[in-house]
Amino acid sequence: MLNCDELLNLEEKILEALPDKLTTILIKLNSNGKLDEFLEVLDLGYLTSQNTYRPYRSGKIVVVGQTEVKESILLGVAESCGVSKDRFEFCLDYNKAKSYNFKKM
């Protein structure tokens, strides 16, 4: 457990970092199903309705089409938002996209 000085120091550092990281934090909390819990801790639970977004956590995310961005970069962005790279399937080649079996989705 932190003492009073350590707690104040931590608070100061969090307040400095928060403006730049708040959106990313909220996205991660939402995608991990912990946004409501976080808002309750802040006594802000009333900000979300009962119809909170509930993603299909095991569903595949198919990326179709040509891109200049490498697969590894796209996966890195997804993981930074809390989405597992195992959920992704890439179909970035034109010929593969033409014959992709969209019915399996």
C-alpha atoms as a PDB file:
ATOM      1  CA  MET A   1       0.000   0.000   0.000  1.00  0.00           C
ATOM      2  CA  LEU A   2       1.258   3.500  -0.855  1.00  0.00           C
ATOM      3  CA  ASN A   3       1.889   6.179   1.736  1.00  0.00           C
ATOM      4  CA  CYS A   4       0.372   9.650   1.356  1.00  0.00           C
ATOM      5  CA  ASP A   5       3.346  11.164  -0.505  1.00  0.00           C
ATOM      6  CA  GLU A   6       3.557   8.224  -2.903  1.00  0.00           C
ATOM      7  CA  LEU A   7      -0.162   8.439  -3.562  1.00  0.00           C
ATOM      8  CA  LEU A   8       0.030  12.168  -4.334  1.00  0.00           C
ATOM      9  CA  ASN A   9       3.005  11.572  -6.626  1.00  0.00           C
ATOM     10  CA  LEU A  10       1.088   8.820  -8.431  1.00  0.00           C
ATOM     11  CA  GLU A  11      -1.936  11.080  -8.794  1.00  0.00           C
ATOM     12  CA  GLU A  12       0.221  13.821 -10.311  1.00  0.00           C
ATOM     13  CA  LYS A  13       1.771  11.442 -12.845  1.00  0.00           C
ATOM     14  CA  ILE A  14      -1.608   9.997 -13.812  1.00  0.00           C
ATOM     15  CA  LEU A  15      -3.086  13.468 -14.308  1.00  0.00           C
ATOM     16  CA  GLU A  16      -0.152  14.385 -16.571  1.00  0.00           C
ATOM     17  CA  ALA A  17      -0.551  11.271 -18.726  1.00  0.00           C
ATOM     18  CA  LEU A  18      -4.343  11.061 -18.781  1.00  0.00           C
ATOM     19  CA  PRO A  19      -5.208  13.647 -21.469  1.00  0.00           C
ATOM     20  CA  ASP A  20      -3.071  11.876 -24.082  1.00  0.00           C
ATOM     21  CA  LYS A  21      -4.141   8.358 -23.149  1.00  0.00           C
ATOM     22  CA  LEU A  22      -7.799   8.665 -22.148  1.00  0.00           C
ATOM     23  CA  THR A  23      -9.281   7.575 -25.478  1.00  0.00           C
ATOM     24  CA  THR A  24      -7.044   4.498 -25.659  1.00  0.00           C
ATOM     25  CA  ILE A  25      -7.865   3.613 -22.049  1.00  0.00           C
ATOM     26  CA  LEU A  26     -11.613   3.893 -22.676  1.00  0.00           C
ATOM     27  CA  ILE A  27     -11.363   1.745 -25.826  1.00  0.00           C
ATOM     28  CA  LYS A  28      -9.447  -0.966 -23.943  1.00  0.00           C
ATOM     29  CA  LEU A  29     -11.872  -0.910 -21.011  1.00  0.00           C
ATOM     30  CA  ASN A  30     -14.846  -1.094 -23.358  1.00  0.00           C
ATOM     31  CA  SER A  31     -13.424  -3.939 -25.451  1.00  0.00           C
ATOM     32  CA  ASN A  32     -12.516  -5.887 -22.297  1.00  0.00           C
ATOM     33  CA  GLY A  33     -15.977  -5.408 -20.786  1.00  0.00           C
ATOM     34  CA  LYS A  34     -14.637  -3.358 -17.869  1.00  0.00           C
ATOM     35  CA  LEU A  35     -15.832   0.133 -18.803  1.00  0.00           C
ATOM     36  CA  ASP A  36     -18.918  -0.009 -16.560  1.00  0.00           C
ATOM     37  CA  GLU A  37     -16.812  -1.132 -13.590  1.00  0.00           C
ATOM     38  CA  PHE A  38     -14.327   1.697 -14.205  1.00  0.00           C
ATOM     39  CA  LEU A  39     -17.105   4.278 -14.379  1.00  0.00           C
ATOM     40  CA  GLU A  40     -18.638   2.941 -11.153  1.00  0.00           C
ATOM     41  CA  VAL A  41     -15.300   3.396  -9.356  1.00  0.00           C
ATOM     42  CA  LEU A  42     -15.373   7.030 -10.519  1.00  0.00           C
ATOM     43  CA  ASP A  43     -19.041   7.393  -9.445  1.00  0.00           C
ATOM     44  CA  LEU A  44     -19.875   8.004 -13.103  1.00  0.00           C
ATOM     45  CA  GLY A  45     -21.815   4.818 -13.788  1.00  0.00           C
ATOM     46  CA  TYR A  46     -24.833   6.866 -14.860  1.00  0.00           C
ATOM     47  CA  LEU A  47     -22.949   7.925 -18.013  1.00  0.00           C
ATOM     48  CA  THR A  48     -23.577   4.588 -19.717  1.00  0.00           C
ATOM     49  CA  SER A  49     -26.996   3.171 -20.387  1.00  0.00           C
ATOM     50  CA  GLN A  50     -28.178  -0.398 -19.964  1.00  0.00           C
ATOM     51  CA  ASN A  51     -27.627  -0.843 -23.705  1.00  0.00           C
ATOM     52  CA  THR A  52     -23.861  -0.883 -23.369  1.00  0.00           C
ATOM     53  CA  TYR A  53     -22.074  -2.212 -26.440  1.00  0.00           C
ATOM     54  CA  ARG A  54     -21.301  -5.912 -26.021  1.00  0.00           C
ATOM     55  CA  PRO A  55     -18.934  -7.146 -28.719  1.00  0.00           C
ATOM     56  CA  TYR A  56     -18.907 -10.691 -29.998  1.00  0.00           C
ATOM     57  CA  ARG A  57     -15.532 -11.453 -28.429  1.00  0.00           C
ATOM     58  CA  SER A  58     -14.651 -14.587 -30.349  1.00  0.00           C
ATOM     59  CA  GLY A  59     -15.812 -13.418 -33.779  1.00  0.00           C
ATOM     60  CA  LYS A  60     -13.372 -13.189 -36.652  1.00  0.00           C
ATOM     61  CA  ILE A  61     -12.377  -9.819 -38.059  1.00  0.00           C
ATOM     62  CA  VAL A  62     -11.744 -10.097 -41.776  1.00  0.00           C
ATOM     63  CA  VAL A  63      -9.690  -7.387 -43.464  1.00  0.00           C
ATOM     64  CA  VAL A  64     -10.296  -7.362 -47.213  1.00  0.00           C
ATOM     65  CA  GLY A  65      -8.621  -5.178 -49.799  1.00  0.00           C
ATOM     66  CA  GLN A  66      -5.286  -3.786 -50.837  1.00  0.00           C
ATOM     67  CA  THR A  67      -3.394  -1.737 -48.285  1.00  0.00           C
ATOM     68  CA  GLU A  68      -0.046  -0.029 -48.023  1.00  0.00           C
ATOM     69  CA  VAL A  69       0.024  -0.872 -44.314  1.00  0.00           C
ATOM     70  CA  LYS A  70       1.632  -4.189 -43.404  1.00  0.00           C
ATOM     71  CA  GLU A  71      -0.321  -6.897 -41.602  1.00  0.00           C
ATOM     72  CA  SER A  72       2.021  -6.664 -38.619  1.00  0.00           C
ATOM     73  CA  ILE A  73       1.236  -2.958 -38.196  1.00  0.00           C
ATOM     74  CA  LEU A  74      -2.519  -3.570 -38.369  1.00  0.00           C
ATOM     75  CA  LEU A  75      -2.192  -6.353 -35.802  1.00  0.00           C
ATOM     76  CA  GLY A  76      -0.138  -4.099 -33.536  1.00  0.00           C
ATOM     77  CA  VAL A  77      -2.829  -1.411 -33.624  1.00  0.00           C
ATOM     78  CA  ALA A  78      -5.507  -3.993 -32.887  1.00  0.00           C
ATOM     79  CA  GLU A  79      -3.585  -5.412 -29.932  1.00  0.00           C
ATOM     80  CA  SER A  80      -2.988  -1.918 -28.541  1.00  0.00           C
ATOM     81  CA  CYS A  81      -6.781  -1.554 -28.496  1.00  0.00           C
ATOM     82  CA  GLY A  82      -7.175  -4.856 -26.666  1.00  0.00           C
ATOM     83  CA  VAL A  83      -8.241  -6.977 -29.652  1.00  0.00           C
ATOM     84  CA  SER A  84      -6.494 -10.339 -29.974  1.00  0.00           C
ATOM     85  CA  LYS A  85      -4.484 -10.819 -33.150  1.00  0.00           C
ATOM     86  CA  ASP A  86      -5.882 -14.363 -33.338  1.00  0.00           C
ATOM     87  CA  ARG A  87      -9.276 -12.921 -34.313  1.00  0.00           C
ATOM     88  CA  PHE A  88      -7.933 -11.462 -37.573  1.00  0.00           C
ATOM     89  CA  GLU A  89      -7.961 -12.958 -41.015  1.00  0.00           C
ATOM     90  CA  PHE A  90      -6.376 -11.018 -43.868  1.00  0.00           C
ATOM     91  CA  CYS A  91      -7.342 -11.167 -47.509  1.00  0.00           C
ATOM     92  CA  LEU A  92      -5.225  -8.381 -48.959  1.00  0.00           C
ATOM     93  CA  ASP A  93      -4.506  -9.786 -52.410  1.00  0.00           C
ATOM     94  CA  TYR A  94      -6.992  -8.944 -55.178  1.00  0.00           C
ATOM     95  CA  ASN A  95      -7.163 -12.489 -56.554  1.00  0.00           C
ATOM     96  CA  LYS A  96      -7.657 -13.969 -53.091  1.00  0.00           C
ATOM     97  CA  ALA A  97     -10.404 -11.438 -52.379  1.00  0.00           C
ATOM     98  CA  LYS A  98     -12.210 -12.410 -55.593  1.00  0.00           C
ATOM     99  CA  SER A  99     -12.392 -16.029 -54.503  1.00  0.00           C
ATOM    100  CA  TYR A 100     -12.770 -15.481 -50.734  1.00  0.00           C
ATOM    101  CA  ASN A 101     -15.610 -17.536 -49.263  1.00  0.00           C
ATOM    102  CA  PHE A 102     -17.698 -14.798 -47.652  1.00  0.00           C
ATOM    103  CA  LYS A 103     -20.431 -17.340 -46.847  1.00  0.00           C
ATOM    104  CA  LYS A 104     -18.295 -18.777 -44.042  1.00  0.00           C
ATOM    105  CA  MET A 105     -18.676 -15.545 -42.083  1.00  0.00           C
END
